[in-house]
Full PDB file with SEQRES, HELIX, SHEET, SSBOND, CRYST1, ORIGX, SCALE, CONECT and MASTER records, all heavy atoms in Angstrom:
SEQRES   1 A   35  THR GLU ALA GLY SER LYS LYS GLY LEU ALA VAL TYR VAL          
SEQRES   2 A   35  VAL ARG ALA PRO ALA GLU VAL PRO GLY ILE ALA THR LEU          
SEQRES   3 A   35  GLY PRO ASP PRO LEU ASP GLU GLY PHE                          
HELIX    1 AA1 PRO A   17  GLU A   19  5                                   3    
HELIX    2 AA2 PRO A   21  ALA A   24  1                                   4    
CRYST1    1.000    1.000    1.000  90.00  90.00  90.00 P 1           1          
ORIGX1      1.000000  0.000000  0.000000        0.00000                         
ORIGX2      0.000000  1.000000  0.000000        0.00000                         
ORIGX3      0.000000  0.000000  1.000000        0.00000                         
SCALE1      1.000000  0.000000  0.000000        0.00000                         
SCALE2      0.000000  1.000000  0.000000        0.00000                         
SCALE3      0.000000  0.000000  1.000000        0.00000                         
ATOM      1  N   THR A   1     -83.551  36.475 -34.677  1.00  0.00           N  
ATOM      2  CA  THR A   1     -84.266  37.042 -33.542  1.00  0.00           C  
ATOM      3  C   THR A   1     -83.803  38.466 -33.292  1.00  0.00           C  
ATOM      4  O   THR A   1     -82.610  38.744 -33.339  1.00  0.00           O  
ATOM      5  CB  THR A   1     -83.993  36.207 -32.269  1.00  0.00           C  
ATOM      6  OG1 THR A   1     -84.347  34.857 -32.538  1.00  0.00           O  
ATOM      7  CG2 THR A   1     -84.787  36.720 -31.098  1.00  0.00           C  
ATOM      8  N   GLU A   2     -84.722  39.359 -33.023  1.00  0.00           N  
ATOM      9  CA  GLU A   2     -84.394  40.738 -32.647  1.00  0.00           C  
ATOM     10  C   GLU A   2     -84.269  40.787 -31.135  1.00  0.00           C  
ATOM     11  O   GLU A   2     -85.231  40.541 -30.411  1.00  0.00           O  
ATOM     12  CB  GLU A   2     -85.490  41.692 -33.131  1.00  0.00           C  
ATOM     13  CG  GLU A   2     -85.468  43.079 -32.526  1.00  0.00           C  
ATOM     14  CD  GLU A   2     -84.194  43.852 -32.755  1.00  0.00           C  
ATOM     15  OE1 GLU A   2     -84.091  44.513 -33.783  1.00  0.00           O  
ATOM     16  OE2 GLU A   2     -83.287  43.781 -31.898  1.00  0.00           O  
ATOM     17  N   ALA A   3     -83.055  41.086 -30.658  1.00  0.00           N  
ATOM     18  CA  ALA A   3     -82.814  41.099 -29.218  1.00  0.00           C  
ATOM     19  C   ALA A   3     -82.934  42.495 -28.609  1.00  0.00           C  
ATOM     20  O   ALA A   3     -82.928  42.642 -27.404  1.00  0.00           O  
ATOM     21  CB  ALA A   3     -81.429  40.529 -28.921  1.00  0.00           C  
ATOM     22  N   GLY A   4     -83.036  43.513 -29.432  1.00  0.00           N  
ATOM     23  CA  GLY A   4     -83.094  44.883 -28.922  1.00  0.00           C  
ATOM     24  C   GLY A   4     -84.441  45.228 -28.333  1.00  0.00           C  
ATOM     25  O   GLY A   4     -85.439  44.527 -28.525  1.00  0.00           O  
ATOM     26  N   SER A   5     -84.490  46.335 -27.618  1.00  0.00           N  
ATOM     27  CA  SER A   5     -85.737  46.742 -26.956  1.00  0.00           C  
ATOM     28  C   SER A   5     -86.731  47.373 -27.925  1.00  0.00           C  
ATOM     29  O   SER A   5     -87.922  47.421 -27.649  1.00  0.00           O  
ATOM     30  CB  SER A   5     -85.421  47.726 -25.824  1.00  0.00           C  
ATOM     31  OG  SER A   5     -84.747  48.859 -26.349  1.00  0.00           O  
ATOM     32  N   LYS A   6     -86.273  47.862 -29.074  1.00  0.00           N  
ATOM     33  CA  LYS A   6     -87.192  48.510 -30.022  1.00  0.00           C  
ATOM     34  C   LYS A   6     -87.936  47.510 -30.898  1.00  0.00           C  
ATOM     35  O   LYS A   6     -88.899  47.856 -31.552  1.00  0.00           O  
ATOM     36  CB  LYS A   6     -86.421  49.500 -30.901  1.00  0.00           C  
ATOM     37  CG  LYS A   6     -85.913  50.686 -30.110  1.00  0.00           C  
ATOM     38  CD  LYS A   6     -85.277  51.703 -31.012  1.00  0.00           C  
ATOM     39  CE  LYS A   6     -84.789  52.874 -30.177  1.00  0.00           C  
ATOM     40  NZ  LYS A   6     -84.154  53.893 -30.996  1.00  0.00           N  
ATOM     41  N   LYS A   7     -87.476  46.276 -30.929  1.00  0.00           N  
ATOM     42  CA  LYS A   7     -88.118  45.190 -31.682  1.00  0.00           C  
ATOM     43  C   LYS A   7     -88.373  45.563 -33.142  1.00  0.00           C  
ATOM     44  O   LYS A   7     -89.469  45.412 -33.663  1.00  0.00           O  
ATOM     45  CB  LYS A   7     -89.424  44.740 -31.017  1.00  0.00           C  
ATOM     46  CG  LYS A   7     -89.254  44.277 -29.594  1.00  0.00           C  
ATOM     47  CD  LYS A   7     -88.382  43.054 -29.525  1.00  0.00           C  
ATOM     48  CE  LYS A   7     -88.225  42.607 -28.077  1.00  0.00           C  
ATOM     49  NZ  LYS A   7     -87.059  41.808 -27.867  1.00  0.00           N  
ATOM     50  N   GLY A   8     -87.344  46.065 -33.802  1.00  0.00           N  
ATOM     51  CA  GLY A   8     -87.422  46.371 -35.230  1.00  0.00           C  
ATOM     52  C   GLY A   8     -86.513  45.424 -35.986  1.00  0.00           C  
ATOM     53  O   GLY A   8     -85.363  45.222 -35.623  1.00  0.00           O  
ATOM     54  N   LEU A   9     -87.023  44.796 -37.010  1.00  0.00           N  
ATOM     55  CA  LEU A   9     -86.249  43.818 -37.755  1.00  0.00           C  
ATOM     56  C   LEU A   9     -86.592  43.952 -39.229  1.00  0.00           C  
ATOM     57  O   LEU A   9     -87.756  44.097 -39.589  1.00  0.00           O  
ATOM     58  CB  LEU A   9     -86.583  42.410 -37.250  1.00  0.00           C  
ATOM     59  CG  LEU A   9     -85.909  41.234 -37.925  1.00  0.00           C  
ATOM     60  CD1 LEU A   9     -84.407  41.249 -37.656  1.00  0.00           C  
ATOM     61  CD2 LEU A   9     -86.502  39.936 -37.396  1.00  0.00           C  
ATOM     62  N   ALA A  10     -85.571  43.905 -40.074  1.00  0.00           N  
ATOM     63  CA  ALA A  10     -85.784  43.927 -41.518  1.00  0.00           C  
ATOM     64  C   ALA A  10     -84.947  42.811 -42.126  1.00  0.00           C  
ATOM     65  O   ALA A  10     -83.846  42.527 -41.659  1.00  0.00           O  
ATOM     66  CB  ALA A  10     -85.372  45.266 -42.112  1.00  0.00           C  
ATOM     67  N   VAL A  11     -85.483  42.172 -43.148  1.00  0.00           N  
ATOM     68  CA  VAL A  11     -84.769  41.101 -43.833  1.00  0.00           C  
ATOM     69  C   VAL A  11     -84.743  41.448 -45.310  1.00  0.00           C  
ATOM     70  O   VAL A  11     -85.762  41.825 -45.896  1.00  0.00           O  
ATOM     71  CB  VAL A  11     -85.477  39.739 -43.608  1.00  0.00           C  
ATOM     72  CG1 VAL A  11     -84.790  38.644 -44.387  1.00  0.00           C  
ATOM     73  CG2 VAL A  11     -85.543  39.421 -42.126  1.00  0.00           C  
ATOM     74  N   TYR A  12     -83.556  41.336 -45.907  1.00  0.00           N  
ATOM     75  CA  TYR A  12     -83.376  41.620 -47.326  1.00  0.00           C  
ATOM     76  C   TYR A  12     -82.760  40.398 -47.995  1.00  0.00           C  
ATOM     77  O   TYR A  12     -81.876  39.763 -47.430  1.00  0.00           O  
ATOM     78  CB  TYR A  12     -82.414  42.798 -47.533  1.00  0.00           C  
ATOM     79  CG  TYR A  12     -82.915  44.108 -46.999  1.00  0.00           C  
ATOM     80  CD1 TYR A  12     -82.753  44.442 -45.661  1.00  0.00           C  
ATOM     81  CD2 TYR A  12     -83.541  45.023 -47.838  1.00  0.00           C  
ATOM     82  CE1 TYR A  12     -83.212  45.652 -45.160  1.00  0.00           C  
ATOM     83  CE2 TYR A  12     -83.996  46.234 -47.350  1.00  0.00           C  
ATOM     84  CZ  TYR A  12     -83.832  46.543 -46.008  1.00  0.00           C  
ATOM     85  OH  TYR A  12     -84.283  47.736 -45.520  1.00  0.00           O  
ATOM     86  N   VAL A  13     -83.206  40.084 -49.187  1.00  0.00           N  
ATOM     87  CA  VAL A  13     -82.578  39.059 -50.008  1.00  0.00           C  
ATOM     88  C   VAL A  13     -81.890  39.807 -51.143  1.00  0.00           C  
ATOM     89  O   VAL A  13     -82.548  40.410 -51.996  1.00  0.00           O  
ATOM     90  CB  VAL A  13     -83.614  38.045 -50.552  1.00  0.00           C  
ATOM     91  CG1 VAL A  13     -82.931  37.011 -51.442  1.00  0.00           C  
ATOM     92  CG2 VAL A  13     -84.349  37.376 -49.394  1.00  0.00           C  
ATOM     93  N   VAL A  14     -80.562  39.809 -51.112  1.00  0.00           N  
ATOM     94  CA  VAL A  14     -79.771  40.594 -52.066  1.00  0.00           C  
ATOM     95  C   VAL A  14     -78.599  39.774 -52.576  1.00  0.00           C  
ATOM     96  O   VAL A  14     -78.229  38.752 -52.004  1.00  0.00           O  
ATOM     97  CB  VAL A  14     -79.242  41.895 -51.410  1.00  0.00           C  
ATOM     98  CG1 VAL A  14     -80.390  42.804 -50.992  1.00  0.00           C  
ATOM     99  CG2 VAL A  14     -78.359  41.585 -50.211  1.00  0.00           C  
ATOM    100  N   ARG A  15     -77.991  40.246 -53.640  1.00  0.00           N  
ATOM    101  CA  ARG A  15     -76.793  39.603 -54.194  1.00  0.00           C  
ATOM    102  C   ARG A  15     -75.521  40.097 -53.496  1.00  0.00           C  
ATOM    103  O   ARG A  15     -74.529  39.389 -53.442  1.00  0.00           O  
ATOM    104  CB  ARG A  15     -76.700  39.854 -55.684  1.00  0.00           C  
ATOM    105  CG  ARG A  15     -77.826  39.235 -56.483  1.00  0.00           C  
ATOM    106  CD  ARG A  15     -77.492  39.202 -57.960  1.00  0.00           C  
ATOM    107  NE  ARG A  15     -78.581  38.889 -58.847  1.00  0.00           N  
ATOM    108  CZ  ARG A  15     -79.314  37.799 -58.854  1.00  0.00           C  
ATOM    109  NH1 ARG A  15     -79.107  36.880 -57.959  1.00  0.00           N  
ATOM    110  NH2 ARG A  15     -80.263  37.613 -59.727  1.00  0.00           N  
ATOM    111  N   ALA A  16     -75.560  41.333 -52.984  1.00  0.00           N  
ATOM    112  CA  ALA A  16     -74.389  41.915 -52.325  1.00  0.00           C  
ATOM    113  C   ALA A  16     -74.855  42.713 -51.105  1.00  0.00           C  
ATOM    114  O   ALA A  16     -75.891  43.382 -51.164  1.00  0.00           O  
ATOM    115  CB  ALA A  16     -73.630  42.818 -53.285  1.00  0.00           C  
ATOM    116  N   PRO A  17     -74.116  42.662 -50.009  1.00  0.00           N  
ATOM    117  CA  PRO A  17     -74.520  43.397 -48.804  1.00  0.00           C  
ATOM    118  C   PRO A  17     -74.752  44.889 -49.043  1.00  0.00           C  
ATOM    119  O   PRO A  17     -75.634  45.478 -48.416  1.00  0.00           O  
ATOM    120  CB  PRO A  17     -73.348  43.178 -47.838  1.00  0.00           C  
ATOM    121  CG  PRO A  17     -72.731  41.902 -48.284  1.00  0.00           C  
ATOM    122  CD  PRO A  17     -72.910  41.878 -49.787  1.00  0.00           C  
ATOM    123  N   ALA A  18     -74.011  45.513 -49.933  1.00  0.00           N  
ATOM    124  CA  ALA A  18     -74.163  46.948 -50.184  1.00  0.00           C  
ATOM    125  C   ALA A  18     -75.525  47.302 -50.780  1.00  0.00           C  
ATOM    126  O   ALA A  18     -75.894  48.476 -50.826  1.00  0.00           O  
ATOM    127  CB  ALA A  18     -73.048  47.452 -51.089  1.00  0.00           C  
ATOM    128  N   GLU A  19     -76.290  46.306 -51.212  1.00  0.00           N  
ATOM    129  CA  GLU A  19     -77.640  46.558 -51.727  1.00  0.00           C  
ATOM    130  C   GLU A  19     -78.645  46.820 -50.604  1.00  0.00           C  
ATOM    131  O   GLU A  19     -79.748  47.292 -50.858  1.00  0.00           O  
ATOM    132  CB  GLU A  19     -78.114  45.373 -52.580  1.00  0.00           C  
ATOM    133  CG  GLU A  19     -77.319  45.176 -53.858  1.00  0.00           C  
ATOM    134  CD  GLU A  19     -77.774  43.939 -54.618  1.00  0.00           C  
ATOM    135  OE1 GLU A  19     -78.978  43.592 -54.558  1.00  0.00           O  
ATOM    136  OE2 GLU A  19     -76.921  43.314 -55.266  1.00  0.00           O  
ATOM    137  N   VAL A  20     -78.280  46.524 -49.376  1.00  0.00           N  
ATOM    138  CA  VAL A  20     -79.138  46.781 -48.224  1.00  0.00           C  
ATOM    139  C   VAL A  20     -78.919  48.233 -47.813  1.00  0.00           C  
ATOM    140  O   VAL A  20     -77.789  48.633 -47.522  1.00  0.00           O  
ATOM    141  CB  VAL A  20     -78.805  45.841 -47.048  1.00  0.00           C  
ATOM    142  CG1 VAL A  20     -79.668  46.163 -45.835  1.00  0.00           C  
ATOM    143  CG2 VAL A  20     -78.960  44.390 -47.474  1.00  0.00           C  
ATOM    144  N   PRO A  21     -79.989  49.056 -47.792  1.00  0.00           N  
ATOM    145  CA  PRO A  21     -79.813  50.483 -47.507  1.00  0.00           C  
ATOM    146  C   PRO A  21     -79.032  50.786 -46.235  1.00  0.00           C  
ATOM    147  O   PRO A  21     -78.156  51.649 -46.230  1.00  0.00           O  
ATOM    148  CB  PRO A  21     -81.247  51.004 -47.420  1.00  0.00           C  
ATOM    149  CG  PRO A  21     -82.063  50.031 -48.213  1.00  0.00           C  
ATOM    150  CD  PRO A  21     -81.390  48.710 -48.056  1.00  0.00           C  
ATOM    151  N   GLY A  22     -79.312  50.086 -45.165  1.00  0.00           N  
ATOM    152  CA  GLY A  22     -78.615  50.346 -43.906  1.00  0.00           C  
ATOM    153  C   GLY A  22     -77.141  49.992 -43.942  1.00  0.00           C  
ATOM    154  O   GLY A  22     -76.333  50.578 -43.232  1.00  0.00           O  
ATOM    155  N   ILE A  23     -76.770  49.048 -44.762  1.00  0.00           N  
ATOM    156  CA  ILE A  23     -75.357  48.668 -44.890  1.00  0.00           C  
ATOM    157  C   ILE A  23     -74.635  49.621 -45.839  1.00  0.00           C  
ATOM    158  O   ILE A  23     -73.492  50.000 -45.598  1.00  0.00           O  
ATOM    159  CB  ILE A  23     -75.221  47.203 -45.339  1.00  0.00           C  
ATOM    160  CG1 ILE A  23     -75.722  46.292 -44.215  1.00  0.00           C  
ATOM    161  CG2 ILE A  23     -73.782  46.875 -45.723  1.00  0.00           C  
ATOM    162  CD1 ILE A  23     -75.768  44.830 -44.560  1.00  0.00           C  
ATOM    163  N   ALA A  24     -75.318  50.018 -46.890  1.00  0.00           N  
ATOM    164  CA  ALA A  24     -74.706  50.909 -47.879  1.00  0.00           C  
ATOM    165  C   ALA A  24     -74.286  52.248 -47.274  1.00  0.00           C  
ATOM    166  O   ALA A  24     -73.349  52.885 -47.756  1.00  0.00           O  
ATOM    167  CB  ALA A  24     -75.669  51.139 -49.039  1.00  0.00           C  
ATOM    168  N   THR A  25     -74.952  52.668 -46.205  1.00  0.00           N  
ATOM    169  CA  THR A  25     -74.650  53.973 -45.606  1.00  0.00           C  
ATOM    170  C   THR A  25     -73.753  53.889 -44.369  1.00  0.00           C  
ATOM    171  O   THR A  25     -73.514  54.902 -43.718  1.00  0.00           O  
ATOM    172  CB  THR A  25     -75.951  54.697 -45.225  1.00  0.00           C  
ATOM    173  OG1 THR A  25     -76.678  53.901 -44.286  1.00  0.00           O  
ATOM    174  CG2 THR A  25     -76.816  54.971 -46.451  1.00  0.00           C  
ATOM    175  N   LEU A  26     -73.260  52.689 -44.033  1.00  0.00           N  
ATOM    176  CA  LEU A  26     -72.416  52.552 -42.850  1.00  0.00           C  
ATOM    177  C   LEU A  26     -71.079  53.270 -43.031  1.00  0.00           C  
ATOM    178  O   LEU A  26     -70.487  53.255 -44.101  1.00  0.00           O  
ATOM    179  CB  LEU A  26     -72.134  51.079 -42.551  1.00  0.00           C  
ATOM    180  CG  LEU A  26     -73.262  50.269 -41.953  1.00  0.00           C  
ATOM    181  CD1 LEU A  26     -72.850  48.798 -41.830  1.00  0.00           C  
ATOM    182  CD2 LEU A  26     -73.698  50.812 -40.608  1.00  0.00           C  
ATOM    183  N   GLY A  27     -70.609  53.836 -41.938  1.00  0.00           N  
ATOM    184  CA  GLY A  27     -69.283  54.428 -41.918  1.00  0.00           C  
ATOM    185  C   GLY A  27     -68.233  53.334 -41.872  1.00  0.00           C  
ATOM    186  O   GLY A  27     -68.546  52.142 -41.949  1.00  0.00           O  
ATOM    187  N   PRO A  28     -66.980  53.712 -41.701  1.00  0.00           N  
ATOM    188  CA  PRO A  28     -65.901  52.728 -41.691  1.00  0.00           C  
ATOM    189  C   PRO A  28     -65.975  51.790 -40.483  1.00  0.00           C  
ATOM    190  O   PRO A  28     -66.474  52.163 -39.421  1.00  0.00           O  
ATOM    191  CB  PRO A  28     -64.631  53.578 -41.634  1.00  0.00           C  
ATOM    192  CG  PRO A  28     -65.068  54.892 -41.081  1.00  0.00           C  
ATOM    193  CD  PRO A  28     -66.486  55.081 -41.523  1.00  0.00           C  
ATOM    194  N   ASP A  29     -65.457  50.585 -40.676  1.00  0.00           N  
ATOM    195  CA  ASP A  29     -65.362  49.596 -39.607  1.00  0.00           C  
ATOM    196  C   ASP A  29     -64.180  49.970 -38.728  1.00  0.00           C  
ATOM    197  O   ASP A  29     -63.041  50.017 -39.201  1.00  0.00           O  
ATOM    198  CB  ASP A  29     -65.152  48.212 -40.226  1.00  0.00           C  
ATOM    199  CG  ASP A  29     -64.998  47.096 -39.210  1.00  0.00           C  
ATOM    200  OD1 ASP A  29     -64.796  47.370 -38.002  1.00  0.00           O  
ATOM    201  OD2 ASP A  29     -65.072  45.926 -39.631  1.00  0.00           O  
ATOM    202  N   PRO A  30     -64.398  50.235 -37.441  1.00  0.00           N  
ATOM    203  CA  PRO A  30     -63.303  50.667 -36.585  1.00  0.00           C  
ATOM    204  C   PRO A  30     -62.254  49.582 -36.318  1.00  0.00           C  
ATOM    205  O   PRO A  30     -61.185  49.891 -35.798  1.00  0.00           O  
ATOM    206  CB  PRO A  30     -63.998  51.099 -35.291  1.00  0.00           C  
ATOM    207  CG  PRO A  30     -65.310  50.420 -35.315  1.00  0.00           C  
ATOM    208  CD  PRO A  30     -65.681  50.221 -36.748  1.00  0.00           C  
ATOM    209  N   LEU A  31     -62.522  48.337 -36.703  1.00  0.00           N  
ATOM    210  CA  LEU A  31     -61.521  47.284 -36.532  1.00  0.00           C  
ATOM    211  C   LEU A  31     -60.789  46.971 -37.844  1.00  0.00           C  
ATOM    212  O   LEU A  31     -59.937  46.084 -37.880  1.00  0.00           O  
ATOM    213  CB  LEU A  31     -62.163  46.025 -35.948  1.00  0.00           C  
ATOM    214  CG  LEU A  31     -62.706  46.193 -34.526  1.00  0.00           C  
ATOM    215  CD1 LEU A  31     -63.296  44.888 -34.017  1.00  0.00           C  
ATOM    216  CD2 LEU A  31     -61.622  46.699 -33.588  1.00  0.00           C  
ATOM    217  N   ASP A  32     -61.105  47.711 -38.882  1.00  0.00           N  
ATOM    218  CA  ASP A  32     -60.404  47.562 -40.157  1.00  0.00           C  
ATOM    219  C   ASP A  32     -59.018  48.210 -40.051  1.00  0.00           C  
ATOM    220  O   ASP A  32     -58.843  49.218 -39.362  1.00  0.00           O  
ATOM    221  CB  ASP A  32     -61.221  48.242 -41.271  1.00  0.00           C  
ATOM    222  CG  ASP A  32     -60.606  48.021 -42.624  1.00  0.00           C  
ATOM    223  OD1 ASP A  32     -60.852  46.963 -43.215  1.00  0.00           O  
ATOM    224  OD2 ASP A  32     -59.863  48.926 -43.087  1.00  0.00           O  
ATOM    225  N   GLU A  33     -58.030  47.646 -40.730  1.00  0.00           N  
ATOM    226  CA  GLU A  33     -56.670  48.193 -40.695  1.00  0.00           C  
ATOM    227  C   GLU A  33     -56.606  49.650 -41.142  1.00  0.00           C  
ATOM    228  O   GLU A  33     -55.751  50.404 -40.700  1.00  0.00           O  
ATOM    229  CB  GLU A  33     -55.733  47.348 -41.561  1.00  0.00           C  
ATOM    230  CG  GLU A  33     -55.382  46.015 -40.959  1.00  0.00           C  
ATOM    231  CD  GLU A  33     -54.428  45.224 -41.843  1.00  0.00           C  
ATOM    232  OE1 GLU A  33     -53.759  45.832 -42.712  1.00  0.00           O  
ATOM    233  OE2 GLU A  33     -54.365  44.007 -41.657  1.00  0.00           O  
ATOM    234  N   GLY A  34     -57.502  50.043 -42.035  1.00  0.00           N  
ATOM    235  CA  GLY A  34     -57.508  51.411 -42.541  1.00  0.00           C  
ATOM    236  C   GLY A  34     -58.048  52.435 -41.554  1.00  0.00           C  
ATOM    237  O   GLY A  34     -57.936  53.643 -41.777  1.00  0.00           O  
ATOM    238  N   PHE A  35     -58.639  51.965 -40.464  1.00  0.00           N  
ATOM    239  CA  PHE A  35     -59.168  52.878 -39.444  1.00  0.00           C  
ATOM    240  C   PHE A  35     -58.029  53.229 -38.493  1.00  0.00           C  
ATOM    241  O   PHE A  35     -57.842  52.616 -37.448  1.00  0.00           O  
ATOM    242  CB  PHE A  35     -60.346  52.255 -38.700  1.00  0.00           C  
ATOM    243  CG  PHE A  35     -61.034  53.214 -37.759  1.00  0.00           C  
ATOM    244  CD1 PHE A  35     -61.926  54.145 -38.239  1.00  0.00           C  
ATOM    245  CD2 PHE A  35     -60.773  53.182 -36.395  1.00  0.00           C  
ATOM    246  CE1 PHE A  35     -62.560  55.039 -37.384  1.00  0.00           C  
ATOM    247  CE2 PHE A  35     -61.391  54.058 -35.524  1.00  0.00           C  
ATOM    248  CZ  PHE A  35     -62.286  54.988 -36.024  1.00  0.00           C  
TER     249      PHE A  35                                                      
MASTER        0    0    0    2    0    0    0    6  248    1    0    3          
END                                                                             
């Protein structure tokens, strides 16, 4: 379910999360030890 106000949703069937364009371009996770 899309809970946001813009009501935009995309679904990808991939072998690895990095194959999803929006995930591949994410910056670092601020809760990762390296941050």
